[in-house]
Amino acid sequence: MQTIIFYTAQIINQLISVYMLAIVVYALMSWFPNAYGTAIGRFLARIVEPFERLFNFATIGMISLAPLVALAVLTFVQYGVTYVGNLLITMSSQ
């Protein structure tokens, strides 16, 4: 049972890490002209923009801090998944 909990938490954390990488790549694409019009840009827009829209309140002038806030939230979610996984492993070993 402990190994199932451990591997489930690891898989969730890895998926969150991949999504965080997608957010970083999508944010960096703004530095290149017409990057959002490519196939990769359109794909990343479909998976990243719905989550980033939740944080559109984080702007300073023309600069959007939504990617940074999204990354911070996902980092806290990763810590939460790790904590709950460790808690469940500890509880199941007793």
PDB file of N, CA and C in Angstrom:
ATOM      1  N   MET A   1       0.821  -1.193   0.000  1.00  0.00           N
ATOM      2  CA  MET A   1       0.000   0.000   0.000  1.00  0.00           C
ATOM      3  C   MET A   1       0.868   1.261   0.000  1.00  0.00           C
ATOM      4  N   GLN A   2       1.978   1.191   0.740  1.00  0.00           N
ATOM      5  CA  GLN A   2       2.861   2.348   0.815  1.00  0.00           C
ATOM      6  C   GLN A   2       3.472   2.676  -0.537  1.00  0.00           C
ATOM      7  N   THR A   3       3.820   1.654  -1.290  1.00  0.00           N
ATOM      8  CA  THR A   3       4.425   1.907  -2.597  1.00  0.00           C
ATOM      9  C   THR A   3       3.426   2.517  -3.568  1.00  0.00           C
ATOM     10  N   ILE A   4       2.172   2.127  -3.486  1.00  0.00           N
ATOM     11  CA  ILE A   4       1.143   2.712  -4.354  1.00  0.00           C
ATOM     12  C   ILE A   4       0.980   4.194  -4.041  1.00  0.00           C
ATOM     13  N   ILE A   5       0.930   4.522  -2.774  1.00  0.00           N
ATOM     14  CA  ILE A   5       0.800   5.925  -2.372  1.00  0.00           C
ATOM     15  C   ILE A   5       2.032   6.712  -2.811  1.00  0.00           C
ATOM     16  N   PHE A   6       3.206   6.146  -2.599  1.00  0.00           N
ATOM     17  CA  PHE A   6       4.440   6.822  -2.964  1.00  0.00           C
ATOM     18  C   PHE A   6       4.496   7.093  -4.465  1.00  0.00           C
ATOM     19  N   TYR A   7       4.233   6.062  -5.273  1.00  0.00           N
ATOM     20  CA  TYR A   7       4.315   6.238  -6.723  1.00  0.00           C
ATOM     21  C   TYR A   7       3.214   7.144  -7.257  1.00  0.00           C
ATOM     22  N   THR A   8       2.050   7.112  -6.650  1.00  0.00           N
ATOM     23  CA  THR A   8       0.979   8.018  -7.067  1.00  0.00           C
ATOM     24  C   THR A   8       1.373   9.468  -6.804  1.00  0.00           C
ATOM     25  N   ALA A   9       1.920   9.730  -5.636  1.00  0.00           N
ATOM     26  CA  ALA A   9       2.380  11.090  -5.318  1.00  0.00           C
ATOM     27  C   ALA A   9       3.504  11.513  -6.255  1.00  0.00           C
ATOM     28  N   GLN A  10       4.406  10.596  -6.581  1.00  0.00           N
ATOM     29  CA  GLN A  10       5.500  10.908  -7.499  1.00  0.00           C
ATOM     30  C   GLN A  10       4.987  11.220  -8.902  1.00  0.00           C
ATOM     31  N   ILE A  11       4.020  10.458  -9.372  1.00  0.00           N
ATOM     32  CA  ILE A  11       3.460  10.695 -10.706  1.00  0.00           C
ATOM     33  C   ILE A  11       2.752  12.041 -10.754  1.00  0.00           C
ATOM     34  N   ILE A  12       1.981  12.352  -9.723  1.00  0.00           N
ATOM     35  CA  ILE A  12       1.285  13.646  -9.680  1.00  0.00           C
ATOM     36  C   ILE A  12       2.296  14.787  -9.660  1.00  0.00           C
ATOM     37  N   ASN A  13       3.338  14.652  -8.859  1.00  0.00           N
ATOM     38  CA  ASN A  13       4.374  15.695  -8.805  1.00  0.00           C
ATOM     39  C   ASN A  13       5.087  15.845 -10.145  1.00  0.00           C
ATOM     40  N   GLN A  14       5.341  14.752 -10.843  1.00  0.00           N
ATOM     41  CA  GLN A  14       5.995  14.837 -12.153  1.00  0.00           C
ATOM     42  C   GLN A  14       5.079  15.498 -13.183  1.00  0.00           C
ATOM     43  N   LEU A  15       3.787  15.191 -13.140  1.00  0.00           N
ATOM     44  CA  LEU A  15       2.848  15.838 -14.057  1.00  0.00           C
ATOM     45  C   LEU A  15       2.765  17.343 -13.801  1.00  0.00           C
ATOM     46  N   ILE A  16       2.780  17.719 -12.529  1.00  0.00           N
ATOM     47  CA  ILE A  16       2.775  19.143 -12.187  1.00  0.00           C
ATOM     48  C   ILE A  16       4.062  19.806 -12.669  1.00  0.00           C
ATOM     49  N   SER A  17       5.187  19.123 -12.552  1.00  0.00           N
ATOM     50  CA  SER A  17       6.459  19.674 -13.034  1.00  0.00           C
ATOM     51  C   SER A  17       6.445  19.883 -14.541  1.00  0.00           C
ATOM     52  N   VAL A  18       5.869  18.947 -15.270  1.00  0.00           N
ATOM     53  CA  VAL A  18       5.770  19.093 -16.724  1.00  0.00           C
ATOM     54  C   VAL A  18       4.868  20.275 -17.070  1.00  0.00           C
ATOM     55  N   TYR A  19       3.777  20.435 -16.339  1.00  0.00           N
ATOM     56  CA  TYR A  19       2.871  21.556 -16.581  1.00  0.00           C
ATOM     57  C   TYR A  19       3.562  22.887 -16.248  1.00  0.00           C
ATOM     58  N   MET A  20       4.357  22.899 -15.202  1.00  0.00           N
ATOM     59  CA  MET A  20       5.109  24.107 -14.857  1.00  0.00           C
ATOM     60  C   MET A  20       6.104  24.446 -15.965  1.00  0.00           C
ATOM     61  N   LEU A  21       6.739  23.447 -16.538  1.00  0.00           N
ATOM     62  CA  LEU A  21       7.641  23.682 -17.658  1.00  0.00           C
ATOM     63  C   LEU A  21       6.882  24.258 -18.852  1.00  0.00           C
ATOM     64  N   ALA A  22       5.679  23.764 -19.090  1.00  0.00           N
ATOM     65  CA  ALA A  22       4.856  24.294 -20.181  1.00  0.00           C
ATOM     66  C   ALA A  22       4.536  25.765 -19.948  1.00  0.00           C
ATOM     67  N   ILE A  23       4.272  26.145 -18.706  1.00  0.00           N
ATOM     68  CA  ILE A  23       3.993  27.549 -18.380  1.00  0.00           C
ATOM     69  C   ILE A  23       5.220  28.413 -18.652  1.00  0.00           C
ATOM     70  N   VAL A  24       6.394  27.930 -18.262  1.00  0.00           N
ATOM     71  CA  VAL A  24       7.626  28.690 -18.481  1.00  0.00           C
ATOM     72  C   VAL A  24       7.893  28.849 -19.977  1.00  0.00           C
ATOM     73  N   VAL A  25       7.755  27.782 -20.737  1.00  0.00           N
ATOM     74  CA  VAL A  25       7.989  27.856 -22.177  1.00  0.00           C
ATOM     75  C   VAL A  25       6.992  28.803 -22.825  1.00  0.00           C
ATOM     76  N   TYR A  26       5.728  28.729 -22.414  1.00  0.00           N
ATOM     77  CA  TYR A  26       4.705  29.606 -22.974  1.00  0.00           C
ATOM     78  C   TYR A  26       5.011  31.068 -22.653  1.00  0.00           C
ATOM     79  N   ALA A  27       5.478  31.334 -21.454  1.00  0.00           N
ATOM     80  CA  ALA A  27       5.831  32.710 -21.092  1.00  0.00           C
ATOM     81  C   ALA A  27       7.036  33.197 -21.891  1.00  0.00           C
ATOM     82  N   LEU A  28       8.005  32.344 -22.098  1.00  0.00           N
ATOM     83  CA  LEU A  28       9.191  32.733 -22.866  1.00  0.00           C
ATOM     84  C   LEU A  28       8.884  32.941 -24.345  1.00  0.00           C
ATOM     85  N   MET A  29       7.827  32.318 -24.831  1.00  0.00           N
ATOM     86  CA  MET A  29       7.452  32.483 -26.236  1.00  0.00           C
ATOM     87  C   MET A  29       7.041  33.915 -26.546  1.00  0.00           C
ATOM     88  N   SER A  30       6.699  34.679 -25.533  1.00  0.00           N
ATOM     89  CA  SER A  30       6.297  36.068 -25.770  1.00  0.00           C
ATOM     90  C   SER A  30       7.487  36.916 -26.231  1.00  0.00           C
ATOM     91  N   TRP A  31       8.695  36.435 -26.055  1.00  0.00           N
ATOM     92  CA  TRP A  31       9.883  37.175 -26.467  1.00  0.00           C
ATOM     93  C   TRP A  31      10.139  37.048 -27.967  1.00  0.00           C
ATOM     94  N   PHE A  32       9.517  36.065 -28.608  1.00  0.00           N
ATOM     95  CA  PHE A  32       9.780  35.804 -30.020  1.00  0.00           C
ATOM     96  C   PHE A  32       8.560  36.175 -30.858  1.00  0.00           C
ATOM     97  N   PRO A  33       8.772  36.916 -31.929  1.00  0.00           N
ATOM     98  CA  PRO A  33       7.639  37.321 -32.759  1.00  0.00           C
ATOM     99  C   PRO A  33       6.964  36.119 -33.418  1.00  0.00           C
ATOM    100  N   ASN A  34       5.663  36.128 -33.428  1.00  0.00           N
ATOM    101  CA  ASN A  34       4.827  35.095 -34.065  1.00  0.00           C
ATOM    102  C   ASN A  34       5.016  33.702 -33.478  1.00  0.00           C
ATOM    103  N   ALA A  35       5.577  33.586 -32.305  1.00  0.00           N
ATOM    104  CA  ALA A  35       5.778  32.266 -31.694  1.00  0.00           C
ATOM    105  C   ALA A  35       4.450  31.644 -31.281  1.00  0.00           C
ATOM    106  N   TYR A  36       3.477  32.471 -30.905  1.00  0.00           N
ATOM    107  CA  TYR A  36       2.179  31.943 -30.499  1.00  0.00           C
ATOM    108  C   TYR A  36       1.394  31.391 -31.687  1.00  0.00           C
ATOM    109  N   GLY A  37       1.766  31.763 -32.900  1.00  0.00           N
ATOM    110  CA  GLY A  37       1.071  31.294 -34.092  1.00  0.00           C
ATOM    111  C   GLY A  37       1.533  29.935 -34.575  1.00  0.00           C
ATOM    112  N   THR A  38       2.611  29.419 -34.019  1.00  0.00           N
ATOM    113  CA  THR A  38       3.110  28.101 -34.422  1.00  0.00           C
ATOM    114  C   THR A  38       2.244  27.008 -33.807  1.00  0.00           C
ATOM    115  N   ALA A  39       2.451  25.785 -34.262  1.00  0.00           N
ATOM    116  CA  ALA A  39       1.681  24.654 -33.735  1.00  0.00           C
ATOM    117  C   ALA A  39       1.949  24.456 -32.246  1.00  0.00           C
ATOM    118  N   ILE A  40       3.202  24.595 -31.844  1.00  0.00           N
ATOM    119  CA  ILE A  40       3.545  24.452 -30.418  1.00  0.00           C
ATOM    120  C   ILE A  40       2.910  25.578 -29.614  1.00  0.00           C
ATOM    121  N   GLY A  41       2.939  26.783 -30.158  1.00  0.00           N
ATOM    122  CA  GLY A  41       2.339  27.921 -29.472  1.00  0.00           C
ATOM    123  C   GLY A  41       0.843  27.752 -29.274  1.00  0.00           C
ATOM    124  N   ARG A  42       0.166  27.262 -30.309  1.00  0.00           N
ATOM    125  CA  ARG A  42      -1.277  27.041 -30.182  1.00  0.00           C
ATOM    126  C   ARG A  42      -1.581  25.932 -29.188  1.00  0.00           C
ATOM    127  N   PHE A  43      -0.767  24.863 -29.203  1.00  0.00           N
ATOM    128  CA  PHE A  43      -0.960  23.769 -28.256  1.00  0.00           C
ATOM    129  C   PHE A  43      -0.757  24.243 -26.819  1.00  0.00           C
ATOM    130  N   LEU A  44       0.328  24.975 -26.590  1.00  0.00           N
ATOM    131  CA  LEU A  44       0.589  25.480 -25.244  1.00  0.00           C
ATOM    132  C   LEU A  44      -0.489  26.465 -24.800  1.00  0.00           C
ATOM    133  N   ALA A  45      -0.993  27.261 -25.732  1.00  0.00           N
ATOM    134  CA  ALA A  45      -2.053  28.207 -25.385  1.00  0.00           C
ATOM    135  C   ALA A  45      -3.293  27.468 -24.903  1.00  0.00           C
ATOM    136  N   ARG A  46      -3.616  26.345 -25.549  1.00  0.00           N
ATOM    137  CA  ARG A  46      -4.800  25.579 -25.135  1.00  0.00           C
ATOM    138  C   ARG A  46      -4.655  24.969 -23.754  1.00  0.00           C
ATOM    139  N   ILE A  47      -3.440  24.602 -23.360  1.00  0.00           N
ATOM    140  CA  ILE A  47      -3.298  23.961 -22.052  1.00  0.00           C
ATOM    141  C   ILE A  47      -2.899  24.925 -20.945  1.00  0.00           C
ATOM    142  N   VAL A  48      -2.263  26.053 -21.289  1.00  0.00           N
ATOM    143  CA  VAL A  48      -1.759  26.968 -20.258  1.00  0.00           C
ATOM    144  C   VAL A  48      -2.729  28.119 -19.976  1.00  0.00           C
ATOM    145  N   GLU A  49      -3.306  28.698 -21.018  1.00  0.00           N
ATOM    146  CA  GLU A  49      -4.123  29.898 -20.828  1.00  0.00           C
ATOM    147  C   GLU A  49      -5.324  29.719 -19.886  1.00  0.00           C
ATOM    148  N   PRO A  50      -6.040  28.595 -19.912  1.00  0.00           N
ATOM    149  CA  PRO A  50      -7.162  28.479 -18.965  1.00  0.00           C
ATOM    150  C   PRO A  50      -6.734  28.596 -17.499  1.00  0.00           C
ATOM    151  N   PHE A  51      -5.575  28.031 -17.166  1.00  0.00           N
ATOM    152  CA  PHE A  51      -5.099  28.117 -15.788  1.00  0.00           C
ATOM    153  C   PHE A  51      -4.561  29.512 -15.482  1.00  0.00           C
ATOM    154  N   GLU A  52      -3.843  30.103 -16.441  1.00  0.00           N
ATOM    155  CA  GLU A  52      -3.289  31.440 -16.214  1.00  0.00           C
ATOM    156  C   GLU A  52      -4.376  32.502 -16.111  1.00  0.00           C
ATOM    157  N   ARG A  53      -5.501  32.303 -16.763  1.00  0.00           N
ATOM    158  CA  ARG A  53      -6.592  33.280 -16.676  1.00  0.00           C
ATOM    159  C   ARG A  53      -7.087  33.470 -15.252  1.00  0.00           C
ATOM    160  N   LEU A  54      -6.902  32.454 -14.427  1.00  0.00           N
ATOM    161  CA  LEU A  54      -7.313  32.572 -13.023  1.00  0.00           C
ATOM    162  C   LEU A  54      -6.515  33.644 -12.295  1.00  0.00           C
ATOM    163  N   PHE A  55      -5.339  33.978 -12.831  1.00  0.00           N
ATOM    164  CA  PHE A  55      -4.436  34.904 -12.151  1.00  0.00           C
ATOM    165  C   PHE A  55      -4.219  36.187 -12.935  1.00  0.00           C
ATOM    166  N   ASN A  56      -5.164  36.558 -13.779  1.00  0.00           N
ATOM    167  CA  ASN A  56      -5.032  37.779 -14.581  1.00  0.00           C
ATOM    168  C   ASN A  56      -5.065  39.041 -13.731  1.00  0.00           C
ATOM    169  N   PHE A  57      -5.455  38.936 -12.476  1.00  0.00           N
ATOM    170  CA  PHE A  57      -5.458  40.098 -11.594  1.00  0.00           C
ATOM    171  C   PHE A  57      -4.037  40.564 -11.275  1.00  0.00           C
ATOM    172  N   ALA A  58      -3.059  39.705 -11.478  1.00  0.00           N
ATOM    173  CA  ALA A  58      -1.668  40.013 -11.127  1.00  0.00           C
ATOM    174  C   ALA A  58      -0.971  40.708 -12.290  1.00  0.00           C
ATOM    175  N   THR A  59      -1.238  41.993 -12.429  1.00  0.00           N
ATOM    176  CA  THR A  59      -0.569  42.767 -13.472  1.00  0.00           C
ATOM    177  C   THR A  59      -0.018  44.052 -12.876  1.00  0.00           C
ATOM    178  N   ILE A  60       1.101  44.471 -13.417  1.00  0.00           N
ATOM    179  CA  ILE A  60       1.682  45.761 -13.055  1.00  0.00           C
ATOM    180  C   ILE A  60       1.857  46.506 -14.372  1.00  0.00           C
ATOM    181  N   GLY A  61       0.989  47.444 -14.618  1.00  0.00           N
ATOM    182  CA  GLY A  61       1.024  48.160 -15.886  1.00  0.00           C
ATOM    183  C   GLY A  61       0.739  47.206 -17.023  1.00  0.00           C
ATOM    184  N   MET A  62       1.682  47.088 -17.937  1.00  0.00           N
ATOM    185  CA  MET A  62       1.534  46.195 -19.085  1.00  0.00           C
ATOM    186  C   MET A  62       2.167  44.821 -18.841  1.00  0.00           C
ATOM    187  N   ILE A  63       2.727  44.623 -17.665  1.00  0.00           N
ATOM    188  CA  ILE A  63       3.424  43.372 -17.368  1.00  0.00           C
ATOM    189  C   ILE A  63       2.492  42.453 -16.584  1.00  0.00           C
ATOM    190  N   SER A  64       2.273  41.265 -17.117  1.00  0.00           N
ATOM    191  CA  SER A  64       1.436  40.278 -16.448  1.00  0.00           C
ATOM    192  C   SER A  64       2.308  39.369 -15.584  1.00  0.00           C
ATOM    193  N   LEU A  65       1.934  39.267 -14.342  1.00  0.00           N
ATOM    194  CA  LEU A  65       2.634  38.372 -13.424  1.00  0.00           C
ATOM    195  C   LEU A  65       1.891  37.051 -13.247  1.00  0.00           C
ATOM    196  N   ALA A  66       0.899  36.809 -14.103  1.00  0.00           N
ATOM    197  CA  ALA A  66       0.098  35.587 -14.012  1.00  0.00           C
ATOM    198  C   ALA A  66       0.951  34.321 -14.093  1.00  0.00           C
ATOM    199  N   PRO A  67       1.957  34.246 -14.973  1.00  0.00           N
ATOM    200  CA  PRO A  67       2.771  33.020 -14.982  1.00  0.00           C
ATOM    201  C   PRO A  67       3.514  32.792 -13.662  1.00  0.00           C
ATOM    202  N   LEU A  68       4.008  33.856 -13.059  1.00  0.00           N
ATOM    203  CA  LEU A  68       4.713  33.702 -11.782  1.00  0.00           C
ATOM    204  C   LEU A  68       3.774  33.247 -10.677  1.00  0.00           C
ATOM    205  N   VAL A  69       2.584  33.814 -10.637  1.00  0.00           N
ATOM    206  CA  VAL A  69       1.611  33.421  -9.621  1.00  0.00           C
ATOM    207  C   VAL A  69       1.177  31.970  -9.863  1.00  0.00           C
ATOM    208  N   ALA A  70       0.975  31.605 -11.126  1.00  0.00           N
ATOM    209  CA  ALA A  70       0.591  30.232 -11.447  1.00  0.00           C
ATOM    210  C   ALA A  70       1.674  29.243 -11.012  1.00  0.00           C
ATOM    211  N   LEU A  71       2.927  29.595 -11.266  1.00  0.00           N
ATOM    212  CA  LEU A  71       4.026  28.723 -10.841  1.00  0.00           C
ATOM    213  C   LEU A  71       4.101  28.609  -9.324  1.00  0.00           C
ATOM    214  N   ALA A  72       3.864  29.713  -8.620  1.00  0.00           N
ATOM    215  CA  ALA A  72       3.879  29.677  -7.155  1.00  0.00           C
ATOM    216  C   ALA A  72       2.759  28.782  -6.629  1.00  0.00           C
ATOM    217  N   VAL A  73       1.583  28.900  -7.213  1.00  0.00           N
ATOM    218  CA  VAL A  73       0.451  28.068  -6.784  1.00  0.00           C
ATOM    219  C   VAL A  73       0.754  26.592  -7.035  1.00  0.00           C
ATOM    220  N   LEU A  74       1.289  26.285  -8.189  1.00  0.00           N
ATOM    221  CA  LEU A  74       1.608  24.887  -8.492  1.00  0.00           C
ATOM    222  C   LEU A  74       2.717  24.346  -7.593  1.00  0.00           C
ATOM    223  N   THR A  75       3.651  25.195  -7.197  1.00  0.00           N
ATOM    224  CA  THR A  75       4.687  24.773  -6.253  1.00  0.00           C
ATOM    225  C   THR A  75       4.064  24.408  -4.911  1.00  0.00           C
ATOM    226  N   PHE A  76       3.127  25.232  -4.447  1.00  0.00           N
ATOM    227  CA  PHE A  76       2.435  24.909  -3.194  1.00  0.00           C
ATOM    228  C   PHE A  76       1.619  23.634  -3.323  1.00  0.00           C
ATOM    229  N   VAL A  77       1.022  23.406  -4.476  1.00  0.00           N
ATOM    230  CA  VAL A  77       0.269  22.167  -4.699  1.00  0.00           C
ATOM    231  C   VAL A  77       1.217  20.972  -4.654  1.00  0.00           C
ATOM    232  N   GLN A  78       2.394  21.113  -5.246  1.00  0.00           N
ATOM    233  CA  GLN A  78       3.373  20.027  -5.178  1.00  0.00           C
ATOM    234  C   GLN A  78       3.770  19.718  -3.734  1.00  0.00           C
ATOM    235  N   TYR A  79       4.022  20.762  -2.965  1.00  0.00           N
ATOM    236  CA  TYR A  79       4.350  20.550  -1.553  1.00  0.00           C
ATOM    237  C   TYR A  79       3.189  19.868  -0.829  1.00  0.00           C
ATOM    238  N   GLY A  80       1.985  20.254  -1.148  1.00  0.00           N
ATOM    239  CA  GLY A  80       0.813  19.637  -0.531  1.00  0.00           C
ATOM    240  C   GLY A  80       0.680  18.176  -0.891  1.00  0.00           C
ATOM    241  N   VAL A  81       0.902  17.835  -2.150  1.00  0.00           N
ATOM    242  CA  VAL A  81       0.825  16.434  -2.580  1.00  0.00           C
ATOM    243  C   VAL A  81       1.890  15.615  -1.868  1.00  0.00           C
ATOM    244  N   THR A  82       3.095  16.157  -1.772  1.00  0.00           N
ATOM    245  CA  THR A  82       4.172  15.453  -1.080  1.00  0.00           C
ATOM    246  C   THR A  82       3.829  15.257   0.391  1.00  0.00           C
ATOM    247  N   TYR A  83       3.303  16.303   1.018  1.00  0.00           N
ATOM    248  CA  TYR A  83       2.959  16.217   2.440  1.00  0.00           C
ATOM    249  C   TYR A  83       1.859  15.181   2.680  1.00  0.00           C
ATOM    250  N   VAL A  84       0.806  15.244   1.873  1.00  0.00           N
ATOM    251  CA  VAL A  84      -0.299  14.290   2.049  1.00  0.00           C
ATOM    252  C   VAL A  84       0.179  12.872   1.766  1.00  0.00           C
ATOM    253  N   GLY A  85       1.026  12.703   0.746  1.00  0.00           N
ATOM    254  CA  GLY A  85       1.566  11.372   0.465  1.00  0.00           C
ATOM    255  C   GLY A  85       2.373  10.834   1.626  1.00  0.00           C
ATOM    256  N   ASN A  86       3.237  11.665   2.186  1.00  0.00           N
ATOM    257  CA  ASN A  86       4.032  11.231   3.354  1.00  0.00           C
ATOM    258  C   ASN A  86       3.142  10.955   4.549  1.00  0.00           C
ATOM    259  N   LEU A  87       2.112  11.760   4.721  1.00  0.00           N
ATOM    260  CA  LEU A  87       1.174  11.548   5.835  1.00  0.00           C
ATOM    261  C   LEU A  87       0.447  10.224   5.690  1.00  0.00           C
ATOM    262  N   LEU A  88      -0.010   9.916   4.474  1.00  0.00           N
ATOM    263  CA  LEU A  88      -0.699   8.656   4.248  1.00  0.00           C
ATOM    264  C   LEU A  88       0.230   7.471   4.405  1.00  0.00           C
ATOM    265  N   ILE A  89       1.468   7.615   3.982  1.00  0.00           N
ATOM    266  CA  ILE A  89       2.427   6.522   4.149  1.00  0.00           C
ATOM    267  C   ILE A  89       2.701   6.273   5.629  1.00  0.00           C
ATOM    268  N   THR A  90       2.837   7.365   6.389  1.00  0.00           N
ATOM    269  CA  THR A  90       3.065   7.220   7.832  1.00  0.00           C
ATOM    270  C   THR A  90       1.873   6.580   8.514  1.00  0.00           C
ATOM    271  N   MET A  91       0.685   6.991   8.127  1.00  0.00           N
ATOM    272  CA  MET A  91      -0.528   6.431   8.742  1.00  0.00           C
ATOM    273  C   MET A  91      -0.699   4.953   8.385  1.00  0.00           C
ATOM    274  N   SER A  92      -0.354   4.560   7.155  1.00  0.00           N
ATOM    275  CA  SER A  92      -0.540   3.170   6.762  1.00  0.00           C
ATOM    276  C   SER A  92       0.521   2.254   7.356  1.00  0.00           C
ATOM    277  N   SER A  93       1.650   2.810   7.768  1.00  0.00           N
ATOM    278  CA  SER A  93       2.698   1.970   8.356  1.00  0.00           C
ATOM    279  C   SER A  93       2.467   1.705   9.837  1.00  0.00           C
ATOM    280  N   GLN A  94       1.547   2.411  10.437  1.00  0.00           N
ATOM    281  CA  GLN A  94       1.303   2.214  11.874  1.00  0.00           C
ATOM    282  C   GLN A  94       0.356   1.085  12.127  1.00  0.00           C
TER     283      GLN A  94
END
